[in-house]
C-alpha atoms as a PDB file:
ATOM      1  CA  ARG A   1      -0.001  -0.284  -0.056  1.00  0.00           C
ATOM      2  CA  SER A   2       1.073   3.367  -0.983  1.00  0.00           C
ATOM      3  CA  LEU A   3       0.617   6.636   1.304  1.00  0.00           C
ATOM      4  CA  PRO A   4      -1.136   9.205  -0.889  1.00  0.00           C
ATOM      5  CA  VAL A   5       1.827  12.195  -1.551  1.00  0.00           C
ATOM      6  CA  GLY A   6      -0.566  14.872   0.875  1.00  0.00           C
ATOM      7  CA  SER A   7       0.313  12.843   3.447  1.00  0.00           C
ATOM      8  CA  LEU A   8       3.693  12.615   3.041  1.00  0.00           C
ATOM      9  CA  ARG A   9       4.172  16.274   2.387  1.00  0.00           C
ATOM     10  CA  GLU A  10       2.441  16.916   5.669  1.00  0.00           C
ATOM     11  CA  GLN A  11       4.639  14.605   7.668  1.00  0.00           C
ATOM     12  CA  ARG A  12       7.484  16.083   6.720  1.00  0.00           C
ATOM     13  CA  ASP A  13       6.472  18.885   7.244  1.00  0.00           C
ATOM     14  CA  LYS A  14       5.294  18.673  10.900  1.00  0.00           C
ATOM     15  CA  MET A  15       8.893  17.100  11.401  1.00  0.00           C
ATOM     16  CA  ASN A  16      10.063  20.249  10.110  1.00  0.00           C
ATOM     17  CA  ARG A  17       8.399  22.128  12.520  1.00  0.00           C
ATOM     18  CA  MET A  18       9.430  20.063  16.018  1.00  0.00           C
ATOM     19  CA  HIS A  19      12.839  20.502  14.776  1.00  0.00           C
ATOM     20  CA  LEU A  20      12.498  23.775  14.467  1.00  0.00           C
ATOM     21  CA  GLU A  21      10.295  23.693  17.853  1.00  0.00           C
ATOM     22  CA  ARG A  22      13.085  22.171  19.006  1.00  0.00           C
ATOM     23  CA  GLU A  23      16.062  24.584  18.049  1.00  0.00           C
ATOM     24  CA  ALA A  24      14.282  27.183  19.347  1.00  0.00           C
ATOM     25  CA  TRP A  25      13.787  25.767  22.820  1.00  0.00           C
ATOM     26  CA  TYR A  26      17.389  24.192  23.037  1.00  0.00           C
ATOM     27  CA  ASP A  27      18.495  28.269  21.868  1.00  0.00           C
ATOM     28  CA  MET A  28      16.098  29.792  24.300  1.00  0.00           C
ATOM     29  CA  MET A  29      17.576  27.278  27.445  1.00  0.00           C
ATOM     30  CA  LYS A  30      21.450  28.359  26.552  1.00  0.00           C
ATOM     31  CA  ARG A  31      20.465  31.636  27.156  1.00  0.00           C
ATOM     32  CA  ARG A  32      18.945  31.039  30.054  1.00  0.00           C
ATOM     33  CA  VAL A  33      21.713  28.845  30.810  1.00  0.00           C
ATOM     34  CA  ARG A  34      23.832  31.378  30.436  1.00  0.00           C
ATOM     35  CA  ALA A  35      22.022  34.559  31.800  1.00  0.00           C
ATOM     36  CA  SER A  36      21.466  32.167  35.396  1.00  0.00           C
ATOM     37  CA  SER A  37      25.382  32.195  35.596  1.00  0.00           C
ATOM     38  CA  TYR A  38      26.195  35.762  36.222  1.00  0.00           C
ATOM     39  CA  GLN A  39      26.877  37.116  40.264  1.00  0.00           C
ATOM     40  CA  ASP A  40      27.604  40.422  41.006  1.00  0.00           C
ATOM     41  CA  GLY A  41      28.069  41.593  37.387  1.00  0.00           C
ATOM     42  CA  SER A  42      30.445  38.500  36.583  1.00  0.00           C
ATOM     43  CA  GLN A  43      29.912  35.312  34.788  1.00  0.00           C
ATOM     44  CA  ASP A  44      30.250  32.123  37.534  1.00  0.00           C
ATOM     45  CA  ILE A  45      29.287  28.828  35.278  1.00  0.00           C
ATOM     46  CA  ARG A  46      31.520  26.706  37.817  1.00  0.00           C
ATOM     47  CA  ARG A  47      29.364  28.188  40.392  1.00  0.00           C
ATOM     48  CA  LEU A  48      26.097  27.246  38.726  1.00  0.00           C
ATOM     49  CA  PHE A  49      27.221  23.669  37.351  1.00  0.00           C
ATOM     50  CA  SER A  50      28.299  23.440  41.617  1.00  0.00           C
ATOM     51  CA  GLN A  51      25.046  24.945  42.630  1.00  0.00           C
ATOM     52  CA  PHE A  52      23.287  21.868  40.960  1.00  0.00           C
ATOM     53  CA  ASP A  53      25.218  18.926  41.111  1.00  0.00           C
ATOM     54  CA  THR A  54      23.586  18.117  44.543  1.00  0.00           C
ATOM     55  CA  ASN A  55      25.944  15.062  44.656  1.00  0.00           C
ATOM     56  CA  LYS A  56      29.387  16.816  43.718  1.00  0.00           C
ATOM     57  CA  ASN A  57      29.843  13.740  41.448  1.00  0.00           C
ATOM     58  CA  GLY A  58      30.896  16.386  39.014  1.00  0.00           C
ATOM     59  CA  VAL A  59      28.538  15.294  36.295  1.00  0.00           C
ATOM     60  CA  LEU A  60      24.893  16.434  36.496  1.00  0.00           C
ATOM     61  CA  ASP A  61      22.200  14.135  35.762  1.00  0.00           C
ATOM     62  CA  ALA A  62      18.712  14.407  34.234  1.00  0.00           C
ATOM     63  CA  THR A  63      17.301  15.195  38.093  1.00  0.00           C
ATOM     64  CA  GLU A  64      19.599  17.845  38.540  1.00  0.00           C
ATOM     65  CA  TYR A  65      19.328  18.975  35.193  1.00  0.00           C
ATOM     66  CA  ARG A  66      15.719  19.189  35.146  1.00  0.00           C
ATOM     67  CA  THR A  67      16.333  21.318  38.695  1.00  0.00           C
ATOM     68  CA  LEU A  68      18.136  23.651  37.119  1.00  0.00           C
ATOM     69  CA  LEU A  69      15.264  23.793  34.247  1.00  0.00           C
ATOM     70  CA  MET A  70      13.286  24.369  36.949  1.00  0.00           C
ATOM     71  CA  ARG A  71      14.892  27.108  38.890  1.00  0.00           C
ATOM     72  CA  MET A  72      15.170  29.216  35.245  1.00  0.00           C
ATOM     73  CA  GLY A  73      11.137  28.732  34.992  1.00  0.00           C
ATOM     74  CA  MET A  74      11.152  26.331  32.217  1.00  0.00           C
ATOM     75  CA  ARG A  75       8.933  23.217  32.476  1.00  0.00           C
ATOM     76  CA  PRO A  76      11.672  20.399  32.258  1.00  0.00           C
ATOM     77  CA  PHE A  77       8.915  18.086  33.450  1.00  0.00           C
ATOM     78  CA  GLY A  78       7.441  17.512  29.918  1.00  0.00           C
ATOM     79  CA  ILE A  79      10.685  16.599  28.814  1.00  0.00           C
ATOM     80  CA  THR A  80      11.253  13.459  27.859  1.00  0.00           C
ATOM     81  CA  ASP A  81      14.637  11.081  28.639  1.00  0.00           C
ATOM     82  CA  ASP A  82      15.214  10.907  24.686  1.00  0.00           C
ATOM     83  CA  ASP A  83      14.569  14.953  24.102  1.00  0.00           C
ATOM     84  CA  LEU A  84      17.582  14.889  27.231  1.00  0.00           C
ATOM     85  CA  ARG A  85      19.477  12.159  25.298  1.00  0.00           C
ATOM     86  CA  ILE A  86      19.493  14.638  22.325  1.00  0.00           C
ATOM     87  CA  LEU A  87      20.304  17.690  24.726  1.00  0.00           C
ATOM     88  CA  PHE A  88      23.031  16.035  26.315  1.00  0.00           C
ATOM     89  CA  HIS A  89      24.910  15.018  22.962  1.00  0.00           C
ATOM     90  CA  GLU A  90      24.510  18.568  21.567  1.00  0.00           C
ATOM     91  CA  MET A  91      26.114  19.802  24.719  1.00  0.00           C
ATOM     92  CA  GLY A  92      28.750  17.104  23.894  1.00  0.00           C
ATOM     93  CA  SER A  93      28.304  14.219  25.963  1.00  0.00           C
ATOM     94  CA  SER A  94      29.777  11.171  25.394  1.00  0.00           C
ATOM     95  CA  GLY A  95      27.384   8.820  25.330  1.00  0.00           C
ATOM     96  CA  ARG A  96      27.487   7.723  29.027  1.00  0.00           C
ATOM     97  CA  GLY A  97      23.339   8.087  29.321  1.00  0.00           C
ATOM     98  CA  LEU A  98      21.694  10.870  31.242  1.00  0.00           C
ATOM     99  CA  GLU A  99      24.243  13.028  31.939  1.00  0.00           C
ATOM    100  CA  ILE A 100      26.990  15.584  31.088  1.00  0.00           C
ATOM    101  CA  ARG A 101      29.957  16.032  32.868  1.00  0.00           C
ATOM    102  CA  ALA A 102      31.308  19.126  33.991  1.00  0.00           C
ATOM    103  CA  ARG A 103      34.002  19.602  31.543  1.00  0.00           C
ATOM    104  CA  GLU A 104      31.330  18.865  28.401  1.00  0.00           C
ATOM    105  CA  PHE A 105      28.687  21.953  30.624  1.00  0.00           C
ATOM    106  CA  PHE A 106      31.632  24.696  30.324  1.00  0.00           C
ATOM    107  CA  ALA A 107      32.613  23.360  26.693  1.00  0.00           C
ATOM    108  CA  TRP A 108      29.401  23.740  25.565  1.00  0.00           C
ATOM    109  CA  PHE A 109      28.512  27.277  27.709  1.00  0.00           C
ATOM    110  CA  SER A 110      31.434  29.224  26.171  1.00  0.00           C
ATOM    111  CA  GLY A 111      30.430  28.253  22.770  1.00  0.00           C
ATOM    112  CA  GLY A 112      32.853  24.737  22.001  1.00  0.00           C
ATOM    113  CA  TYR A 113      29.283  22.405  21.495  1.00  0.00           C
ATOM    114  CA  GLN A 114      26.690  23.364  19.184  1.00  0.00           C
END
């Protein structure tokens, strides 16, 4: 059975919209993380990371990262584990699952990963 051409076009358009929405959300999240790292007029990303690395293991896991997003006024609970895997991969996570190491986070923050 073949699908009508219109349905393929609609599916492609829907996927493109979803991709653009994810990119817009990702950009907004990155701006908010950067904005929240300023203290007394200077940027302190290490302090920000340390504040949310509650078990002090040098890694933000999914729960810690969702807490960071929530404190920035975002709604992280609609974010699936798959969304976080994609986000962590874009931030430079090397495939360990739902976590991002401090050095990867700092590199992403400073523009090393896009």
